[in-house]
């Protein structure tokens, strides 16, 4: 089954940092603009950031723009989400997919918990 695979989540204290990673099959990854999303159980998936396939254009949602950054390394088929100055409301499961999230390759996500 083809999926994106997210990693790097965990427990972080408020104000701390995490760097999430997402990998996918080369033939799929390199064709796509990529995005990061998060979901709190019971709520809809929420778009956070996107990056063009060539990596030079990115968009980060205003609500996290001062704390999150997206990047990618096409040689490694990997897209990253750098989370800084974490807040309790960042607690969620984080997913990657193409932007705007139209493929069926959603993975299991990686859990991020912000707590002291």
Protein backbone atom coordinates (compact mmCIF):
# COMPACT_ATOMS: atom_id res chain seq x y z
CA UNK A 1 0.00 0.00 0.00
CA UNK A 2 1.42 3.34 -1.02
CA UNK A 3 1.52 5.86 1.80
CA UNK A 4 3.43 8.80 3.05
CA UNK A 5 5.25 8.04 6.31
CA UNK A 6 5.49 10.70 8.98
CA UNK A 7 7.94 10.68 11.90
CA UNK A 8 9.54 12.92 14.49
CA UNK A 9 6.58 13.55 16.76
CA UNK A 10 6.61 13.14 20.50
CA UNK A 11 6.21 14.98 23.76
CA UNK A 12 7.54 18.53 23.85
CA UNK A 13 7.29 21.17 26.52
CA UNK A 14 5.57 24.47 25.80
CA UNK A 15 8.06 26.71 24.04
CA UNK A 16 10.04 23.76 22.74
CA UNK A 17 10.85 22.63 19.21
CA UNK A 18 10.28 19.57 17.07
CA UNK A 19 11.17 18.76 13.49
CA UNK A 20 8.77 16.44 11.73
CA UNK A 21 9.69 14.43 8.66
CA UNK A 22 7.64 12.82 5.93
CA UNK A 23 8.86 10.49 3.21
CA UNK A 24 7.15 8.98 0.22
CA UNK A 25 7.81 6.97 -2.92
CA UNK A 26 10.14 8.83 -5.25
CA UNK A 27 7.89 8.58 -8.28
CA UNK A 28 5.09 10.22 -6.31
CA UNK A 29 6.94 12.63 -4.06
CA UNK A 30 8.90 14.51 -6.70
CA UNK A 31 5.84 15.30 -8.80
CA UNK A 32 3.90 16.95 -6.04
CA UNK A 33 3.63 20.18 -4.21
CA UNK A 34 3.56 18.95 -0.63
CA UNK A 35 1.64 19.99 2.44
CA UNK A 36 1.49 19.44 6.19
CA UNK A 37 -1.81 19.02 8.00
CA UNK A 38 -2.87 18.27 11.52
CA UNK A 39 -5.91 16.77 13.14
CA UNK A 40 -7.30 16.69 16.63
CA UNK A 41 -9.58 13.66 17.19
CA UNK A 42 -13.14 14.64 16.50
CA UNK A 43 -12.15 17.57 14.31
CA UNK A 44 -11.44 17.91 10.61
CA UNK A 45 -7.94 17.83 9.22
CA UNK A 46 -6.42 21.32 9.23
CA UNK A 47 -4.01 22.59 6.60
CA UNK A 48 -0.81 24.14 7.96
CA UNK A 49 1.75 24.72 5.22
CA UNK A 50 2.66 23.88 1.64
CA UNK A 51 5.79 23.87 -0.48
CA UNK A 52 6.09 23.68 -4.24
CA UNK A 53 7.73 20.65 -5.86
CA UNK A 54 10.86 22.69 -6.61
CA UNK A 55 11.06 23.91 -3.03
CA UNK A 56 11.41 27.61 -3.74
CA UNK A 57 7.84 28.63 -3.05
CA UNK A 58 6.10 28.00 0.24
CA UNK A 59 3.01 29.07 2.09
CA UNK A 60 2.48 28.86 5.83
CA UNK A 61 -0.91 29.44 7.37
CA UNK A 62 -1.08 32.70 9.29
CA UNK A 63 -2.01 31.02 12.56
CA UNK A 64 1.40 29.31 12.74
CA UNK A 65 3.49 31.45 10.41
CA UNK A 66 5.63 32.94 13.14
CA UNK A 67 6.49 29.51 14.59
CA UNK A 68 6.45 26.85 11.86
CA UNK A 69 8.49 26.38 8.72
CA UNK A 70 8.25 23.88 5.86
CA UNK A 71 11.11 22.62 3.75
CA UNK A 72 11.90 19.66 1.51
CA UNK A 73 14.81 17.61 0.26
CA UNK A 74 13.88 15.98 -3.01
CA UNK A 75 17.08 13.92 -3.04
CA UNK A 76 15.76 12.22 0.10
CA UNK A 77 12.08 12.26 -0.90
CA UNK A 78 11.42 14.05 2.36
CA UNK A 79 9.43 17.07 3.46
CA UNK A 80 9.94 18.64 6.88
CA UNK A 81 7.95 20.73 9.32
CA UNK A 82 9.97 22.69 11.84
CA UNK A 83 7.89 23.58 14.88
CA UNK A 84 9.25 26.21 17.25
CA UNK A 85 7.82 27.89 20.35
CA UNK A 86 5.26 25.10 20.64
CA UNK A 87 1.93 25.72 22.31
CA UNK A 88 -0.58 23.37 23.89
CA UNK A 89 -2.92 23.95 20.97
CA UNK A 90 -0.32 22.36 18.68
CA UNK A 91 -1.17 19.00 20.23
CA UNK A 92 -2.50 16.90 17.35
CA UNK A 93 -1.66 14.18 14.87
CA UNK A 94 0.42 15.59 12.03
CA UNK A 95 0.14 14.33 8.46
CA UNK A 96 1.69 15.09 5.13
CA UNK A 97 0.23 14.67 1.69
CA UNK A 98 0.34 16.49 -1.56
CA UNK A 99 -1.06 19.99 -1.55
CA UNK A 100 -4.03 20.34 -1.46
CA UNK A 101 -4.39 16.88 0.06
CA UNK A 102 -6.09 15.15 -2.84
CA UNK A 103 -4.20 11.87 -3.02
CA UNK A 104 -5.23 8.69 -1.24
CA UNK A 105 -1.75 8.30 0.25
CA UNK A 106 -2.50 9.57 3.74
CA UNK A 107 -0.27 7.85 6.28
CA UNK A 108 -0.77 7.15 9.97
CA UNK A 109 0.58 10.53 10.98
CA UNK A 110 2.85 11.36 13.88
CA UNK A 111 1.53 12.40 17.28
CA UNK A 112 2.73 15.68 18.74
CA UNK A 113 1.89 16.41 22.36
CA UNK A 114 2.77 19.76 23.87
CA UNK A 115 2.66 19.54 27.63
CA UNK A 116 4.71 20.33 30.69
